[in-house]
Amino acid sequence: MLEQVTLDKMRTLKLTGMLEGLTHIEQSQALQTLSFTERLSLLVDQEVLHRENKRLARLLKQAKLRYPQAMVEDINYEHKRAVSPEQLKCLTTGQWLIKHQNILLLGPTGIGKTYLACACAQRACQMGFNTRYYRLSKLFEAIRIAKADGSYSRLTSQLLKVQCLVIDDWGIDPITPERRADLLEIIDDSYDQRSIIIASQLPIEHWHDYVGDHTIADAIIDRIIHQAMQFILKGESLRKILDPS
């Protein structure tokens, strides 16, 4: 039985994973036959796994994904979205995050754009990237409130720390001149520094009209689509398939 003082020291050092591993080894006769080096290796692995799981839980909580359980590996490839499994599987590598590439998920309502966006964001969290999900209208509202209560600088600082920003429902709510300027600031700060995932029903050729101001629209759209991976999703609504009534 381990001395209580040793267990207390491990708790003080916050070696929770190793502490759990020690308890498991003590309760397993098979593991007790391992050499000291083998047992130490198991304890280190347990500590690393514990910390990775804790970090992932923290990142997912901060991300506030609409579908926090969505994963790229769980995508239903049998549903015909006019996008090949090979194209979708390229998202699992996470190279787009390392290269600061954007992802554009375009298509009709119910096709699974938000789920795919959240699955990509889940991958970002797994890789240790700070991630945040917003519906575009909610992002604008957060900015409006922050400007009103004096916390705008804090909000912009938080957004600068986000390495993968998800903007859902792009193209639904109107963009006012003030919102236009706010959006340009966010996109410009992100350009070539972090990844943005955009889910939209609106085809890219209509984005200029949606943004409104030609000069600002050029600046915003050019920064978004530069080196972006575009996925044009088609097919029948998943909502109809899952709920045919």
Protein backbone atom coordinates (compact mmCIF):
# COMPACT_ATOMS: atom_id res chain seq x y z
CA MET A 1 0.00 0.00 0.00
CA LEU A 2 1.42 3.37 -0.95
CA GLU A 3 2.21 5.67 1.91
CA GLN A 4 -0.37 8.42 2.35
CA VAL A 5 2.34 11.09 2.24
CA THR A 6 3.27 10.03 -1.31
CA LEU A 7 -0.36 10.17 -2.42
CA ASP A 8 -0.73 13.61 -0.87
CA LYS A 9 2.35 14.86 -2.70
CA MET A 10 0.93 13.61 -6.02
CA ARG A 11 -2.32 15.44 -5.32
CA THR A 12 -0.35 18.59 -4.51
CA LEU A 13 1.49 18.27 -7.82
CA LYS A 14 -1.87 17.65 -9.54
CA LEU A 15 -0.69 14.33 -10.97
CA THR A 16 -4.26 13.07 -11.11
CA GLY A 17 -3.66 10.71 -14.02
CA MET A 18 -0.67 9.06 -12.38
CA LEU A 19 -2.57 8.80 -9.11
CA GLU A 20 -5.40 6.95 -10.85
CA GLY A 21 -2.86 4.77 -12.62
CA LEU A 22 -1.17 3.84 -9.35
CA THR A 23 -4.49 2.81 -7.85
CA HIS A 24 -5.18 0.66 -10.91
CA ILE A 25 -1.74 -1.01 -10.69
CA GLU A 26 -2.18 -1.76 -7.01
CA GLN A 27 -5.51 -3.45 -7.72
CA SER A 28 -4.15 -5.57 -10.58
CA GLN A 29 -1.85 -8.48 -9.80
CA ALA A 30 -0.92 -8.78 -13.49
CA LEU A 31 0.32 -5.19 -13.64
CA GLN A 32 2.35 -5.63 -10.45
CA THR A 33 4.51 -8.19 -12.25
CA LEU A 34 5.72 -5.51 -14.68
CA SER A 35 9.16 -4.02 -14.27
CA PHE A 36 9.63 -0.61 -12.67
CA THR A 37 10.29 0.97 -16.09
CA GLU A 38 7.16 -0.59 -17.59
CA ARG A 39 4.99 0.59 -14.71
CA LEU A 40 6.49 4.07 -14.89
CA SER A 41 5.73 4.17 -18.60
CA LEU A 42 2.10 3.23 -17.90
CA LEU A 43 1.82 5.97 -15.29
CA VAL A 44 3.27 8.60 -17.62
CA ASP A 45 0.88 7.52 -20.40
CA GLN A 46 -2.04 7.75 -17.96
CA GLU A 47 -1.02 11.26 -16.92
CA VAL A 48 -0.67 12.41 -20.53
CA LEU A 49 -4.08 10.95 -21.43
CA HIS A 50 -5.70 12.57 -18.40
CA ARG A 51 -4.29 15.99 -19.29
CA GLU A 52 -5.28 15.66 -22.95
CA ASN A 53 -8.84 14.74 -22.00
CA LYS A 54 -8.99 17.63 -19.52
CA ARG A 55 -7.70 20.07 -22.13
CA LEU A 56 -10.18 18.81 -24.73
CA ALA A 57 -13.08 19.18 -22.28
CA ARG A 58 -11.99 22.76 -21.55
CA LEU A 59 -11.64 23.67 -25.23
CA LEU A 60 -15.02 22.16 -26.10
CA LYS A 61 -16.67 24.06 -23.26
CA GLN A 62 -15.14 27.32 -24.49
CA ALA A 63 -16.07 26.56 -28.11
CA LYS A 64 -19.82 26.42 -27.33
CA LEU A 65 -20.49 24.30 -30.40
CA ARG A 66 -24.07 23.78 -31.45
CA TYR A 67 -23.29 20.07 -31.82
CA PRO A 68 -20.44 19.42 -29.37
CA GLN A 69 -20.45 15.67 -30.05
CA ALA A 70 -20.07 16.07 -33.83
CA MET A 71 -16.93 14.38 -35.18
CA VAL A 72 -15.51 14.18 -38.68
CA GLU A 73 -15.05 10.42 -38.22
CA ASP A 74 -18.80 10.02 -37.65
CA ILE A 75 -19.91 11.73 -40.87
CA ASN A 76 -22.45 9.63 -42.74
CA TYR A 77 -20.82 9.10 -46.13
CA GLU A 78 -23.85 7.19 -47.42
CA HIS A 79 -25.85 10.41 -47.60
CA LYS A 80 -25.24 11.89 -51.06
CA ARG A 81 -24.10 15.48 -50.59
CA ALA A 82 -22.36 15.75 -53.99
CA VAL A 83 -19.06 15.79 -52.08
CA SER A 84 -16.87 12.70 -52.16
CA PRO A 85 -15.76 10.92 -48.96
CA GLU A 86 -12.17 11.65 -50.00
CA GLN A 87 -12.89 15.39 -49.99
CA LEU A 88 -14.51 15.24 -46.57
CA LYS A 89 -11.82 12.98 -45.12
CA CYS A 90 -9.17 15.56 -45.92
CA LEU A 91 -10.67 17.53 -43.04
CA THR A 92 -9.60 14.87 -40.54
CA THR A 93 -5.88 15.56 -41.02
CA GLY A 94 -6.19 19.06 -39.62
CA GLN A 95 -3.63 20.40 -42.11
CA TRP A 96 -6.06 23.20 -42.95
CA LEU A 97 -5.69 24.41 -39.35
CA ILE A 98 -1.90 24.36 -39.46
CA LYS A 99 -1.93 26.23 -42.79
CA HIS A 100 -4.56 28.72 -41.52
CA GLN A 101 -6.93 27.76 -44.32
CA ASN A 102 -10.62 28.59 -44.20
CA ILE A 103 -13.46 26.15 -44.82
CA LEU A 104 -16.62 27.17 -46.67
CA LEU A 105 -19.62 24.87 -46.32
CA LEU A 106 -22.27 25.94 -48.81
CA GLY A 107 -25.64 24.39 -49.59
CA PRO A 108 -29.38 24.33 -48.90
CA THR A 109 -30.94 24.13 -45.45
CA GLY A 110 -30.95 20.75 -43.75
CA ILE A 111 -28.01 19.35 -45.72
CA GLY A 112 -25.78 19.14 -42.64
CA LYS A 113 -23.63 22.26 -42.93
CA THR A 114 -23.77 23.10 -39.22
CA TYR A 115 -22.96 19.53 -38.22
CA LEU A 116 -19.96 19.47 -40.54
CA ALA A 117 -18.82 22.85 -39.23
CA CYS A 118 -19.03 21.58 -35.65
CA ALA A 119 -17.23 18.36 -36.62
CA CYS A 120 -14.37 20.42 -38.07
CA ALA A 121 -14.35 22.56 -34.91
CA GLN A 122 -14.25 19.40 -32.80
CA ARG A 123 -11.14 18.36 -34.73
CA ALA A 124 -9.62 21.76 -33.99
CA CYS A 125 -10.26 21.25 -30.28
CA GLN A 126 -8.71 17.78 -30.42
CA MET A 127 -5.59 19.33 -31.91
CA GLY A 128 -5.42 21.89 -29.12
CA PHE A 129 -6.69 24.93 -31.05
CA ASN A 130 -8.81 27.53 -29.26
CA THR A 131 -12.16 27.40 -31.03
CA ARG A 132 -15.42 29.38 -30.92
CA TYR A 133 -18.79 28.89 -32.59
CA TYR A 134 -21.13 31.80 -33.42
CA ARG A 135 -24.19 32.26 -35.51
CA LEU A 136 -23.42 35.44 -37.44
CA SER A 137 -26.38 37.26 -35.87
CA LYS A 138 -25.19 36.27 -32.38
CA LEU A 139 -21.67 37.47 -33.16
CA PHE A 140 -23.02 40.86 -34.21
CA GLU A 141 -25.18 40.98 -31.08
CA ALA A 142 -22.19 40.16 -28.86
CA ILE A 143 -20.27 43.01 -30.48
CA ARG A 144 -23.20 45.44 -30.04
CA ILE A 145 -23.54 44.58 -26.34
CA ALA A 146 -19.78 44.80 -25.78
CA LYS A 147 -19.67 48.27 -27.31
CA ALA A 148 -22.60 49.35 -25.16
CA ASP A 149 -21.22 48.11 -21.83
CA GLY A 150 -17.58 49.00 -22.43
CA SER A 151 -16.26 45.46 -22.81
CA TYR A 152 -15.50 45.67 -26.52
CA SER A 153 -11.71 45.61 -26.08
CA ARG A 154 -12.04 42.48 -23.95
CA LEU A 155 -14.23 40.81 -26.61
CA THR A 156 -11.77 41.65 -29.38
CA SER A 157 -8.93 40.30 -27.25
CA GLN A 158 -10.86 37.06 -26.79
CA LEU A 159 -11.53 36.79 -30.52
CA LEU A 160 -7.85 37.32 -31.28
CA LYS A 161 -7.06 34.27 -29.15
CA VAL A 162 -9.49 32.12 -31.16
CA GLN A 163 -7.55 29.98 -33.62
CA CYS A 164 -10.60 28.45 -35.30
CA LEU A 165 -13.68 30.67 -35.62
CA VAL A 166 -16.96 29.11 -36.78
CA ILE A 167 -19.51 31.49 -38.32
CA ASP A 168 -22.84 29.79 -38.96
CA ASP A 169 -25.92 31.07 -40.84
CA TRP A 170 -23.88 33.46 -42.97
CA GLY A 171 -26.18 35.35 -45.34
CA ILE A 172 -29.43 35.21 -43.36
CA ASP A 173 -29.53 38.41 -41.30
CA PRO A 174 -28.91 41.77 -42.98
CA ILE A 175 -25.58 43.54 -42.57
CA THR A 176 -25.76 47.21 -41.60
CA PRO A 177 -22.89 49.63 -42.33
CA GLU A 178 -21.70 49.35 -38.71
CA ARG A 179 -21.84 45.55 -38.85
CA ARG A 180 -19.91 45.69 -42.10
CA ALA A 181 -17.03 47.48 -40.42
CA ASP A 182 -17.09 45.07 -37.46
CA LEU A 183 -17.03 42.07 -39.80
CA LEU A 184 -14.12 43.47 -41.79
CA GLU A 185 -12.13 43.97 -38.58
CA ILE A 186 -12.73 40.36 -37.50
CA ILE A 187 -11.89 38.91 -40.90
CA ASP A 188 -8.84 41.12 -41.32
CA ASP A 189 -7.50 40.17 -37.89
CA SER A 190 -7.94 36.50 -38.78
CA TYR A 191 -6.44 36.67 -42.25
CA ASP A 192 -3.50 34.27 -42.61
CA GLN A 193 -3.34 33.94 -38.81
CA ARG A 194 -6.17 31.54 -37.99
CA SER A 195 -8.89 29.48 -39.66
CA ILE A 196 -12.51 30.49 -40.22
CA ILE A 197 -15.30 28.01 -40.94
CA ILE A 198 -18.34 29.52 -42.63
CA ALA A 199 -21.64 27.68 -43.14
CA SER A 200 -24.04 29.39 -45.52
CA GLN A 201 -27.03 28.79 -47.76
CA LEU A 202 -25.94 31.75 -49.87
CA PRO A 203 -23.76 30.97 -52.92
CA ILE A 204 -20.47 32.87 -52.98
CA GLU A 205 -21.48 34.77 -56.13
CA HIS A 206 -24.16 36.55 -54.05
CA TRP A 207 -21.89 37.50 -51.16
CA HIS A 208 -21.00 40.91 -52.60
CA ASP A 209 -24.65 41.90 -52.72
CA TYR A 210 -25.15 40.52 -49.21
CA VAL A 211 -22.29 42.51 -47.66
CA GLY A 212 -23.53 45.60 -49.46
CA ASP A 213 -20.60 47.96 -49.82
CA HIS A 214 -18.51 47.05 -52.85
CA THR A 215 -15.14 48.11 -51.42
CA ILE A 216 -15.65 46.49 -48.03
CA ALA A 217 -17.20 43.42 -49.65
CA ASP A 218 -14.11 42.98 -51.81
CA ALA A 219 -11.86 43.21 -48.77
CA ILE A 220 -13.91 40.76 -46.69
CA ILE A 221 -14.56 38.18 -49.38
CA ASP A 222 -11.03 38.21 -50.78
CA ARG A 223 -9.63 37.44 -47.32
CA ILE A 224 -12.17 34.67 -46.74
CA ILE A 225 -11.87 32.78 -50.00
CA HIS A 226 -8.08 33.10 -50.30
CA GLN A 227 -6.76 29.52 -49.96
CA ALA A 228 -10.18 28.45 -48.66
CA MET A 229 -11.46 24.90 -49.06
CA GLN A 230 -14.94 25.07 -50.59
CA PHE A 231 -17.54 22.34 -50.15
CA ILE A 232 -20.69 22.76 -52.23
CA LEU A 233 -23.20 20.44 -50.56
CA LYS A 234 -26.24 19.21 -52.44
CA GLY A 235 -28.93 16.59 -52.00
CA GLU A 236 -32.07 16.01 -50.00
CA SER A 237 -32.51 17.56 -46.57
CA LEU A 238 -31.31 15.30 -43.76
CA ARG A 239 -34.23 16.53 -41.68
CA LYS A 240 -36.64 15.00 -44.17
CA ILE A 241 -34.70 11.72 -44.16
CA LEU A 242 -34.52 11.53 -40.37
CA ASP A 243 -38.14 12.66 -39.92
CA PRO A 244 -40.07 11.60 -43.03
CA SER A 245 -43.42 12.48 -41.44
